[in-house]
Amino acid sequence: MQKLVARMLAVLIIGGAGFSAHAQEVTGYWKGVLNDRIHLLVHLTKNPAGKYEGSIENTDNESGPVPLSAIFATSRSLQLQANQVGGRFEGKWDEKQHAWTGKWSMQGQTLPLSLTRTDAPPPKPKDVPKPQDEAITRGPLPYRQRDVNFENRAAHVRLAGTLTLPPGKGPFPAVVLVSGTGANTRDEVSAGHKIFLVLADALTRKGVLVLRYDKRGVGNSTGNYSDATTADFASDAKAAVDWLAALPDVDPRHIGVIGHSEGGVIAPMVAVADKNVAFVVMLAGPGVRGDKLFVEQAAGVALASGAPLAYVEKRRAFDQTLYSAVVNAPDREAAMRGVQAVVARGLAEKIIEPQEAENLPNQVTGPWMSQFLKLDPGIALGKIHVPVLALNGSLDLAVPAKLNLPAIRRALKQDHDATVLELPGLNHLFQTAKTGAPSEFARIGETMAPSALSTITDWVQRHSGPAKTVAVSTAP
């Protein structure tokens, strides 16, 4: 999930670009504010061949600069393209304001933007303290941890991770943490927060052994991340469970899988495929098919970020038609033809911009996206006969609770030990939030709300045999 969330976030946090008041010299720094809240910095340079190069950055977070793919300037107008996010800025020089005034367009949404010269990069906001992460890093810790490696022999992949072990003599109940969409390392870092570091700490302090690992092709793990699908990541998670089951420190009767976001889809898939799985925890895991999820996800994030309702409704209809072309196609060639036709209509109707139109066909027909659009979580959920805990935050815009939790409840109706809860006031990362918009993630000091951590750890303890609390949690 986090792949799409990251894409949507990039759409909403990366804005336009600008040039100098003097056409002959456009190098330097330019600043602007998008949507009255997002502070942008454009940096333009000239290479030895005399060609302009540059980048654009949202200085409110830690995402770093995005390269500009094209820069066009005259004495009166400028254009800038950022193909990485499918965006475009068009502006004209305003002599009174001493600024380039124009608009930033992306995915059919257009926002005003003015850019003024700044002599130096504006200072970035101070890092928001992250007391939970920092307390764990600072230590000392009342448990053991060690780096480990295990193999997914079927995929010829070697996965690297961290094992945290409670003090005392095992065997211990154990869990595998499965991260969401994106090139995640074992800590599942999002907006600067180390989500799995905090979750693993809380569980280990309750007497549960925890394995978290780098995704294939990420960090110290081998394999090819870019070509992998959800099914491939599920295969890796199953390999993690099997590896744990063979450890002398692990009680093989009490091994669980906890998945966040896309990992919440994977966890039930692993439980169905692996008899070693004794329980499942879905954290913001989808309950509806991928195409329906992505339509509502994009609409929710756009509305929360100030996009006009009329545009959001037009875009929702476009996305539904676009994804249907993939879901209903018998193969990738047919999907590509259908998608190209939908994109052409969207371009003609000015629902999407040319840059996005250029990238969309390959994006939505790629292996991961194509498979996820067709993935119905209810199939695996309907086959589960182990205890399940499914949690969503009421402010989750990536996996909306009102859309997904009812579907999860229906799918688990035959499971006699299924708990499905909506946690009030929490976002997709299970932080205490105001709106749930991705732009809030980095501004919140809390990595995971204590209420979410206690709900998870208490439930896991109840389903893990004689696990014992070994220390007070570091969560403030």
Protein backbone atom coordinates (compact mmCIF):
# COMPACT_ATOMS: atom_id res chain seq x y z
CA MET A 1 0.00 0.00 0.00
CA GLN A 2 2.72 2.29 0.84
CA LYS A 3 3.91 2.35 -2.81
CA LEU A 4 0.66 4.01 -3.87
CA VAL A 5 0.58 6.13 -0.77
CA ALA A 6 4.15 7.27 -1.54
CA ARG A 7 3.09 8.05 -5.14
CA MET A 8 0.04 9.99 -4.02
CA LEU A 9 2.09 11.80 -1.39
CA ALA A 10 4.64 12.80 -4.00
CA VAL A 11 1.79 14.19 -6.09
CA LEU A 12 0.58 16.31 -3.23
CA ILE A 13 3.85 17.47 -1.68
CA ILE A 14 5.99 18.30 -4.67
CA GLY A 15 5.21 21.60 -6.37
CA GLY A 16 6.35 23.86 -9.17
CA ALA A 17 9.59 25.47 -10.17
CA GLY A 18 10.87 28.79 -11.33
CA PHE A 19 13.49 30.87 -13.02
CA SER A 20 15.20 34.20 -12.63
CA ALA A 21 13.75 37.57 -13.42
CA HIS A 22 16.59 37.83 -15.89
CA ALA A 23 16.20 35.37 -18.72
CA GLN A 24 19.93 35.21 -19.32
CA GLU A 25 20.62 33.99 -15.77
CA VAL A 26 18.19 31.61 -14.13
CA THR A 27 20.51 29.83 -11.75
CA GLY A 28 20.00 30.00 -8.03
CA TYR A 29 17.34 29.19 -5.47
CA TRP A 30 13.62 29.87 -5.73
CA LYS A 31 10.99 29.40 -3.05
CA GLY A 32 7.22 29.09 -3.09
CA VAL A 33 4.24 27.78 -1.15
CA LEU A 34 1.84 25.26 -2.65
CA ASN A 35 -1.73 24.98 -1.39
CA ASP A 36 -0.96 27.45 1.45
CA ARG A 37 0.94 24.81 3.40
CA ILE A 38 3.71 23.11 1.44
CA HIS A 39 7.04 24.96 1.26
CA LEU A 40 9.01 24.34 -1.90
CA LEU A 41 12.58 25.03 -2.87
CA VAL A 42 13.80 25.01 -6.47
CA HIS A 43 17.51 24.93 -7.19
CA LEU A 44 18.72 25.66 -10.74
CA THR A 45 22.27 25.32 -12.02
CA LYS A 46 24.03 25.34 -15.39
CA ASN A 47 26.34 22.54 -16.48
CA PRO A 48 29.59 23.11 -18.46
CA ALA A 49 27.69 22.66 -21.72
CA GLY A 50 25.42 25.58 -20.84
CA LYS A 51 22.35 23.42 -20.20
CA TYR A 52 20.14 24.13 -17.22
CA GLU A 53 19.68 21.46 -14.57
CA GLY A 54 17.78 21.55 -11.35
CA SER A 55 15.74 20.01 -8.59
CA ILE A 56 12.67 20.67 -6.50
CA GLU A 57 12.22 19.85 -2.85
CA ASN A 58 9.54 19.95 -0.19
CA THR A 59 11.42 21.48 2.72
CA ASP A 60 8.78 20.43 5.24
CA ASN A 61 9.86 16.80 5.26
CA GLU A 62 12.80 14.49 4.72
CA SER A 63 12.01 13.26 1.21
CA GLY A 64 14.89 15.21 -0.37
CA PRO A 65 15.11 16.91 -3.77
CA VAL A 66 13.49 15.51 -6.92
CA PRO A 67 15.37 16.09 -10.19
CA LEU A 68 13.79 18.27 -12.85
CA SER A 69 13.58 16.52 -16.20
CA ALA A 70 13.07 19.61 -18.38
CA ILE A 71 13.55 23.37 -17.94
CA PHE A 72 12.38 25.88 -20.54
CA ALA A 73 12.80 29.65 -20.05
CA THR A 74 12.29 32.85 -22.01
CA SER A 75 12.30 36.44 -20.84
CA ARG A 76 8.59 36.22 -20.06
CA SER A 77 7.68 32.62 -19.38
CA LEU A 78 8.97 29.40 -17.92
CA GLN A 79 8.07 25.75 -17.93
CA LEU A 80 9.35 23.00 -15.75
CA GLN A 81 8.73 19.28 -15.85
CA ALA A 82 9.28 16.72 -13.12
CA ASN A 83 8.72 13.41 -14.87
CA GLN A 84 9.49 11.45 -11.74
CA VAL A 85 6.15 12.58 -10.33
CA GLY A 86 4.39 13.38 -13.61
CA GLY A 87 4.06 17.09 -12.82
CA ARG A 88 4.45 20.35 -14.71
CA PHE A 89 4.78 24.03 -13.82
CA GLU A 90 3.88 26.86 -16.22
CA GLY A 91 4.37 30.47 -15.23
CA LYS A 92 4.94 34.03 -16.42
CA TRP A 93 7.12 36.71 -14.96
CA ASP A 94 5.23 39.21 -12.79
CA GLU A 95 7.30 42.39 -12.57
CA LYS A 96 5.29 43.83 -9.67
CA GLN A 97 5.66 40.76 -7.51
CA HIS A 98 9.15 39.95 -8.78
CA ALA A 99 7.97 36.38 -9.04
CA TRP A 100 7.06 33.70 -11.49
CA THR A 101 3.31 33.28 -11.12
CA GLY A 102 1.57 30.32 -12.64
CA LYS A 103 0.15 26.90 -11.92
CA TRP A 104 1.31 23.45 -10.97
CA SER A 105 -0.56 20.63 -12.70
CA MET A 106 -0.54 16.96 -11.88
CA GLN A 107 -3.06 14.14 -12.33
CA GLY A 108 -5.67 16.61 -13.50
CA GLN A 109 -5.32 18.80 -10.43
CA THR A 110 -4.14 22.38 -10.89
CA LEU A 111 -2.94 24.59 -8.05
CA PRO A 112 -1.64 28.18 -8.14
CA LEU A 113 2.03 28.69 -7.38
CA SER A 114 4.32 31.73 -7.23
CA LEU A 115 8.08 31.50 -6.93
CA THR A 116 10.41 34.20 -5.66
CA ARG A 117 14.17 34.26 -5.59
CA THR A 118 15.93 33.48 -2.34
CA ASP A 119 19.65 34.09 -1.81
CA ALA A 120 20.15 30.84 0.07
CA PRO A 121 18.12 27.75 0.82
CA PRO A 122 15.53 28.51 3.50
CA PRO A 123 16.33 26.63 6.67
CA LYS A 124 14.50 23.33 6.95
CA PRO A 125 12.14 22.91 9.86
CA LYS A 126 13.75 21.34 12.88
CA ASP A 127 13.33 17.62 13.06
CA VAL A 128 10.29 16.66 15.10
CA PRO A 129 11.51 14.66 18.09
CA LYS A 130 10.58 10.98 17.91
CA PRO A 131 10.73 9.92 21.56
CA GLN A 132 9.74 6.31 20.99
CA ASP A 133 12.39 5.67 18.34
CA GLU A 134 15.01 7.64 20.26
CA ALA A 135 14.44 5.82 23.56
CA ILE A 136 14.95 2.46 21.89
CA THR A 137 18.07 3.61 20.03
CA ARG A 138 19.49 5.14 23.20
CA GLY A 139 18.97 1.98 25.25
CA PRO A 140 19.84 0.08 27.31
CA LEU A 141 17.35 -2.59 26.27
CA PRO A 142 16.00 -5.30 28.56
CA TYR A 143 16.22 -7.90 25.80
CA ARG A 144 18.69 -9.38 23.33
CA GLN A 145 18.92 -8.64 19.63
CA ARG A 146 21.02 -10.04 16.83
CA ASP A 147 21.34 -9.75 13.09
CA VAL A 148 20.27 -12.86 11.21
CA ASN A 149 19.97 -14.24 7.68
CA PHE A 150 17.55 -16.81 6.30
CA GLU A 151 16.77 -18.16 2.86
CA ASN A 152 13.77 -18.38 0.62
CA ARG A 153 15.14 -21.37 -1.26
CA ALA A 154 12.31 -21.49 -3.77
CA ALA A 155 13.09 -17.94 -4.90
CA HIS A 156 16.88 -18.17 -4.44
CA VAL A 157 16.71 -15.14 -2.15
CA ARG A 158 18.65 -14.57 1.05
CA LEU A 159 16.88 -12.24 3.48
CA ALA A 160 18.59 -10.23 6.21
CA GLY A 161 16.90 -9.16 9.39
CA THR A 162 16.98 -8.55 13.12
CA LEU A 163 15.83 -10.97 15.79
CA THR A 164 14.85 -9.61 19.20
CA LEU A 165 14.68 -12.17 22.02
CA PRO A 166 13.18 -11.68 25.48
CA PRO A 167 15.46 -12.36 28.44
CA GLY A 168 15.39 -15.73 30.09
CA LYS A 169 15.07 -19.20 28.74
CA GLY A 170 12.80 -20.03 25.82
CA PRO A 171 11.13 -21.32 23.88
CA PHE A 172 9.19 -18.10 23.30
CA PRO A 173 6.11 -17.27 21.28
CA ALA A 174 7.21 -15.50 18.12
CA VAL A 175 6.00 -13.18 15.40
CA VAL A 176 7.19 -12.18 11.93
CA LEU A 177 6.66 -8.55 10.96
CA VAL A 178 5.74 -8.03 7.28
CA SER A 179 6.04 -4.48 5.97
CA GLY A 180 3.83 -2.54 3.59
CA THR A 181 4.36 -1.52 -0.01
CA GLY A 182 7.65 0.08 -0.87
CA ALA A 183 11.36 -0.66 -0.67
CA ASN A 184 11.25 -1.15 3.08
CA THR A 185 14.08 -2.18 5.33
CA ARG A 186 13.47 -4.15 8.51
CA ASP A 187 12.43 -1.05 10.49
CA GLU A 188 9.72 -0.05 7.95
CA VAL A 189 10.77 3.61 7.98
CA SER A 190 8.01 5.99 6.92
CA ALA A 191 8.25 9.80 7.13
CA GLY A 192 11.31 9.33 9.34
CA HIS A 193 9.51 7.02 11.78
CA LYS A 194 10.86 3.52 12.43
CA ILE A 195 7.52 1.78 12.75
CA PHE A 196 8.73 -1.80 13.08
CA LEU A 197 11.51 -0.82 15.48
CA VAL A 198 8.88 0.50 17.89
CA LEU A 199 6.48 -2.40 17.33
CA ALA A 200 9.20 -5.04 17.76
CA ASP A 201 10.35 -3.33 20.96
CA ALA A 202 6.84 -3.32 22.44
CA LEU A 203 6.27 -6.98 21.60
CA THR A 204 9.66 -8.17 22.87
CA ARG A 205 9.09 -6.35 26.16
CA LYS A 206 5.93 -8.47 26.49
CA GLY A 207 7.90 -11.69 26.13
CA VAL A 208 7.46 -12.28 22.40
CA LEU A 209 10.40 -13.08 20.10
CA VAL A 210 10.25 -10.89 16.96
CA LEU A 211 11.75 -11.23 13.49
CA ARG A 212 11.76 -8.25 11.15
CA TYR A 213 13.66 -8.22 7.87
CA ASP A 214 14.70 -6.20 4.82
CA LYS A 215 12.58 -6.85 1.75
CA ARG A 216 14.18 -8.76 -1.09
CA GLY A 217 16.56 -6.51 -3.01
CA VAL A 218 16.53 -3.93 -0.19
CA GLY A 219 19.08 -3.27 2.54
CA ASN A 220 21.15 -6.40 3.10
CA SER A 221 18.72 -8.80 1.42
CA THR A 222 19.39 -10.26 -2.00
CA GLY A 223 16.94 -10.54 -4.88
CA ASN A 224 15.21 -8.17 -7.27
CA TYR A 225 12.78 -5.80 -5.59
CA SER A 226 11.57 -4.01 -8.72
CA ASP A 227 10.20 -7.15 -10.38
CA ALA A 228 8.63 -8.62 -7.24
CA THR A 229 4.88 -8.96 -6.70
CA THR A 230 2.72 -9.37 -3.60
CA ALA A 231 2.85 -13.13 -4.13
CA ASP A 232 6.65 -12.97 -4.11
CA PHE A 233 6.68 -11.01 -0.87
CA ALA A 234 4.26 -13.55 0.62
CA SER A 235 6.71 -16.28 -0.34
CA ASP A 236 9.44 -14.43 1.56
CA ALA A 237 7.20 -14.07 4.62
CA LYS A 238 6.44 -17.80 4.55
CA ALA A 239 10.18 -18.50 4.45
CA ALA A 240 10.54 -16.31 7.55
CA VAL A 241 7.88 -18.32 9.40
CA ASP A 242 9.48 -21.62 8.45
CA TRP A 243 12.88 -20.39 9.57
CA LEU A 244 11.50 -19.29 12.93
CA ALA A 245 9.74 -22.62 13.44
CA ALA A 246 13.11 -24.41 13.32
CA LEU A 247 14.77 -22.22 15.97
CA PRO A 248 15.24 -23.77 19.43
CA ASP A 249 14.32 -20.41 21.01
CA VAL A 250 10.87 -20.45 19.38
CA ASP A 251 7.71 -22.22 20.51
CA PRO A 252 6.50 -23.61 17.15
CA ARG A 253 2.91 -23.79 18.43
CA HIS A 254 2.71 -20.01 18.86
CA ILE A 255 4.08 -18.30 15.76
CA GLY A 256 2.14 -15.35 14.39
CA VAL A 257 2.38 -13.05 11.39
CA ILE A 258 1.80 -9.32 11.80
CA GLY A 259 1.48 -7.36 8.58
CA HIS A 260 1.12 -3.63 8.02
CA SER A 261 -0.70 -2.22 4.97
CA GLU A 262 0.19 -4.53 2.04
CA GLY A 263 1.72 -6.75 4.71
CA GLY A 264 -1.81 -7.00 6.12
CA VAL A 265 -2.84 -8.72 2.88
CA ILE A 266 0.21 -10.96 2.96
CA ALA A 267 -0.27 -12.18 6.54
CA PRO A 268 -3.52 -14.08 5.82
CA MET A 269 -2.01 -15.49 2.60
CA VAL A 270 0.85 -16.94 4.64
CA ALA A 271 -1.54 -18.32 7.27
CA VAL A 272 -3.44 -20.21 4.59
CA ALA A 273 -0.25 -21.60 3.04
CA ASP A 274 1.71 -22.42 6.22
CA LYS A 275 0.45 -24.66 9.03
CA ASN A 276 3.04 -23.13 11.38
CA VAL A 277 1.05 -19.87 11.60
CA ALA A 278 -1.00 -19.80 14.80
CA PHE A 279 -2.44 -16.29 14.56
CA VAL A 280 -2.58 -13.22 12.31
CA VAL A 281 -2.59 -9.48 13.00
CA MET A 282 -3.65 -7.14 10.16
CA LEU A 283 -2.57 -3.55 10.72
CA ALA A 284 -4.33 -1.33 8.18
CA GLY A 285 -4.65 -4.36 5.93
CA PRO A 286 -7.03 -4.06 2.96
CA GLY A 287 -10.29 -5.98 2.88
CA VAL A 288 -11.41 -5.05 -0.63
CA ARG A 289 -9.93 -5.79 -4.03
CA GLY A 290 -6.96 -3.67 -5.04
CA ASP A 291 -8.69 -1.68 -7.79
CA LYS A 292 -11.47 -0.53 -5.48
CA LEU A 293 -8.98 0.28 -2.74
CA PHE A 294 -6.78 2.41 -4.99
CA VAL A 295 -9.72 4.43 -6.32
CA GLU A 296 -10.91 5.40 -2.86
CA GLN A 297 -7.39 5.84 -1.53
CA ALA A 298 -6.50 8.42 -4.16
CA ALA A 299 -9.79 10.25 -3.71
CA GLY A 300 -9.45 10.41 0.07
CA VAL A 301 -5.90 11.74 0.00
CA ALA A 302 -6.78 14.32 -2.66
CA LEU A 303 -9.77 15.62 -0.69
CA ALA A 304 -7.78 15.81 2.55
CA SER A 305 -5.12 17.82 0.72
CA GLY A 306 -7.56 20.43 -0.56
CA ALA A 307 -8.37 19.19 -4.07
CA PRO A 308 -11.75 20.44 -5.40
CA LEU A 309 -14.59 17.95 -5.02
CA ALA A 310 -15.58 18.27 -8.69
CA TYR A 311 -12.09 17.23 -9.78
CA VAL A 312 -11.94 14.37 -7.28
CA GLU A 313 -15.19 12.92 -8.63
CA LYS A 314 -13.98 13.15 -12.23
CA ARG A 315 -10.72 11.54 -11.29
CA ARG A 316 -12.49 8.78 -9.34
CA ALA A 317 -14.51 7.85 -12.43
CA PHE A 318 -11.37 7.92 -14.57
CA ASP A 319 -9.46 5.68 -12.15
CA GLN A 320 -12.31 3.18 -12.00
CA THR A 321 -12.34 2.86 -15.77
CA LEU A 322 -8.54 2.73 -15.92
CA TYR A 323 -8.20 -0.08 -13.39
CA SER A 324 -11.10 -2.02 -14.89
CA ALA A 325 -9.17 -2.13 -18.14
CA VAL A 326 -6.41 -3.99 -16.30
CA VAL A 327 -8.57 -6.24 -14.13
CA ASN A 328 -10.74 -7.44 -17.03
CA ALA A 329 -7.94 -7.97 -19.54
CA PRO A 330 -6.86 -11.57 -20.30
CA ASP A 331 -3.17 -10.63 -20.62
CA ARG A 332 -0.80 -7.68 -20.42
CA GLU A 333 -1.02 -6.84 -24.12
CA ALA A 334 -4.79 -6.54 -23.92
CA ALA A 335 -4.46 -4.56 -20.68
CA MET A 336 -2.04 -2.16 -22.34
CA ARG A 337 -4.40 -1.55 -25.27
CA GLY A 338 -7.31 -0.91 -22.94
CA VAL A 339 -5.32 1.38 -20.67
CA GLN A 340 -3.94 3.40 -23.58
CA ALA A 341 -7.48 4.01 -24.83
CA VAL A 342 -8.65 5.15 -21.37
CA VAL A 343 -5.60 7.40 -20.98
CA ALA A 344 -6.19 8.99 -24.40
CA ARG A 345 -9.74 9.88 -23.40
CA GLY A 346 -8.58 11.22 -20.05
CA LEU A 347 -6.01 13.39 -21.77
CA ALA A 348 -8.54 14.72 -24.26
CA GLU A 349 -10.96 15.54 -21.45
CA LYS A 350 -8.15 17.21 -19.45
CA ILE A 351 -8.55 14.87 -16.50
CA ILE A 352 -4.86 14.01 -16.65
CA GLU A 353 -1.79 15.90 -17.79
CA PRO A 354 0.48 14.84 -20.68
CA GLN A 355 3.31 13.80 -18.37
CA GLU A 356 1.09 11.46 -16.39
CA ALA A 357 -0.46 10.13 -19.58
CA GLU A 358 3.00 9.16 -20.75
CA ASN A 359 3.76 7.14 -17.62
CA LEU A 360 0.41 5.62 -16.65
CA PRO A 361 0.18 2.69 -19.09
CA ASN A 362 3.43 1.13 -17.97
CA GLN A 363 2.70 1.84 -14.32
CA VAL A 364 -0.70 0.20 -14.11
CA THR A 365 0.15 -2.80 -16.30
CA GLY A 366 3.43 -3.59 -14.50
CA PRO A 367 3.74 -6.90 -12.61
CA TRP A 368 3.18 -5.61 -9.07
CA MET A 369 0.37 -3.20 -9.90
CA SER A 370 -1.44 -5.55 -12.25
CA GLN A 371 -1.44 -8.33 -9.68
CA PHE A 372 -2.46 -6.10 -6.80
CA LEU A 373 -5.37 -4.55 -8.69
CA LYS A 374 -6.80 -8.05 -9.07
CA LEU A 375 -6.01 -9.23 -5.55
CA ASP A 376 -9.08 -9.92 -3.41
CA PRO A 377 -8.05 -10.23 0.27
CA GLY A 378 -11.35 -11.91 1.06
CA ILE A 379 -10.25 -15.13 -0.64
CA ALA A 380 -7.48 -15.83 1.87
CA LEU A 381 -9.46 -14.42 4.80
CA GLY A 382 -12.32 -16.79 4.06
CA LYS A 383 -9.98 -19.77 4.41
CA ILE A 384 -8.43 -18.76 7.74
CA HIS A 385 -9.25 -20.76 10.85
CA VAL A 386 -6.72 -19.23 13.25
CA PRO A 387 -7.26 -16.19 15.50
CA VAL A 388 -7.19 -12.86 13.66
CA LEU A 389 -6.89 -9.29 14.90
CA ALA A 390 -7.64 -6.63 12.27
CA LEU A 391 -7.07 -2.96 13.16
CA ASN A 392 -7.62 0.27 11.25
CA GLY A 393 -7.31 3.88 12.28
CA SER A 394 -10.43 5.97 11.78
CA LEU A 395 -8.31 8.58 9.95
CA ASP A 396 -6.55 6.11 7.65
CA LEU A 397 -6.78 7.51 4.12
CA ALA A 398 -4.66 4.80 2.48
CA VAL A 399 -6.81 1.92 3.69
CA PRO A 400 -10.05 3.60 4.81
CA ALA A 401 -11.64 1.86 7.78
CA LYS A 402 -15.23 2.41 6.64
CA LEU A 403 -14.47 0.68 3.32
CA ASN A 404 -12.23 -2.15 4.49
CA LEU A 405 -13.29 -3.25 7.97
CA PRO A 406 -16.83 -4.32 6.95
CA ALA A 407 -15.33 -6.39 4.13
CA ILE A 408 -12.89 -8.02 6.56
CA ARG A 409 -15.71 -8.83 8.98
CA ARG A 410 -17.72 -10.48 6.22
CA ALA A 411 -14.75 -12.51 5.04
CA LEU A 412 -13.99 -13.71 8.59
CA LYS A 413 -17.55 -14.66 9.49
CA GLN A 414 -16.60 -18.34 9.76
CA ASP A 415 -13.62 -17.60 12.02
CA HIS A 416 -14.69 -17.99 15.65
CA ASP A 417 -11.80 -15.94 17.03
CA ALA A 418 -11.71 -12.81 14.89
CA THR A 419 -11.47 -9.31 16.36
CA VAL A 420 -11.99 -6.36 13.99
CA LEU A 421 -11.54 -2.89 15.47
CA GLU A 422 -11.51 0.72 14.32
CA LEU A 423 -9.18 2.80 16.50
CA PRO A 424 -10.40 6.41 16.76
CA GLY A 425 -8.18 9.29 15.74
CA LEU A 426 -5.35 7.22 14.25
CA ASN A 427 -3.93 7.40 10.72
CA HIS A 428 -2.38 4.83 8.38
CA LEU A 429 0.77 4.62 10.52
CA PHE A 430 -1.34 4.36 13.71
CA GLN A 431 -0.25 7.81 14.85
CA THR A 432 -2.61 10.14 16.69
CA ALA A 433 -3.53 12.55 13.87
CA LYS A 434 -5.79 15.45 12.97
CA THR A 435 -6.74 14.74 9.34
CA GLY A 436 -4.93 11.55 8.36
CA ALA A 437 -3.31 13.24 5.36
CA PRO A 438 0.14 11.86 4.46
CA SER A 439 1.59 15.36 4.83
CA GLU A 440 1.03 15.03 8.59
CA PHE A 441 3.13 11.89 9.06
CA ALA A 442 6.51 13.61 9.42
CA ARG A 443 5.12 16.40 11.61
CA ILE A 444 3.84 14.02 14.28
CA GLY A 445 6.37 13.04 16.92
CA GLU A 446 4.57 9.85 17.83
CA THR A 447 5.63 6.81 15.85
CA MET A 448 2.78 4.55 17.01
CA ALA A 449 0.05 5.51 19.43
CA PRO A 450 0.36 3.79 22.83
CA SER A 451 -3.29 2.74 22.49
CA ALA A 452 -2.49 0.86 19.29
CA LEU A 453 0.63 -0.74 20.77
CA SER A 454 -1.23 -1.95 23.84
CA THR A 455 -4.12 -3.30 21.76
CA ILE A 456 -1.68 -5.28 19.62
CA THR A 457 0.58 -6.55 22.36
CA ASP A 458 -2.25 -7.49 24.75
CA TRP A 459 -4.02 -9.46 22.02
CA VAL A 460 -0.82 -11.22 20.98
CA GLN A 461 -0.09 -12.14 24.59
CA ARG A 462 -3.54 -13.67 24.97
CA HIS A 463 -2.95 -15.79 21.87
CA SER A 464 0.65 -16.75 22.56
CA GLY A 465 0.65 -18.97 25.58
CA PRO A 466 2.60 -17.94 28.69
CA ALA A 467 4.31 -14.81 27.33
CA LYS A 468 5.45 -12.50 30.14
CA THR A 469 6.04 -8.78 30.32
CA VAL A 470 9.74 -8.16 30.94
CA ALA A 471 9.91 -4.36 31.22
CA VAL A 472 7.89 -1.21 30.96
CA SER A 473 7.43 -0.03 27.37
CA THR A 474 9.37 2.99 26.15
CA ALA A 475 6.22 4.44 24.57
CA PRO A 476 5.52 7.81 26.21
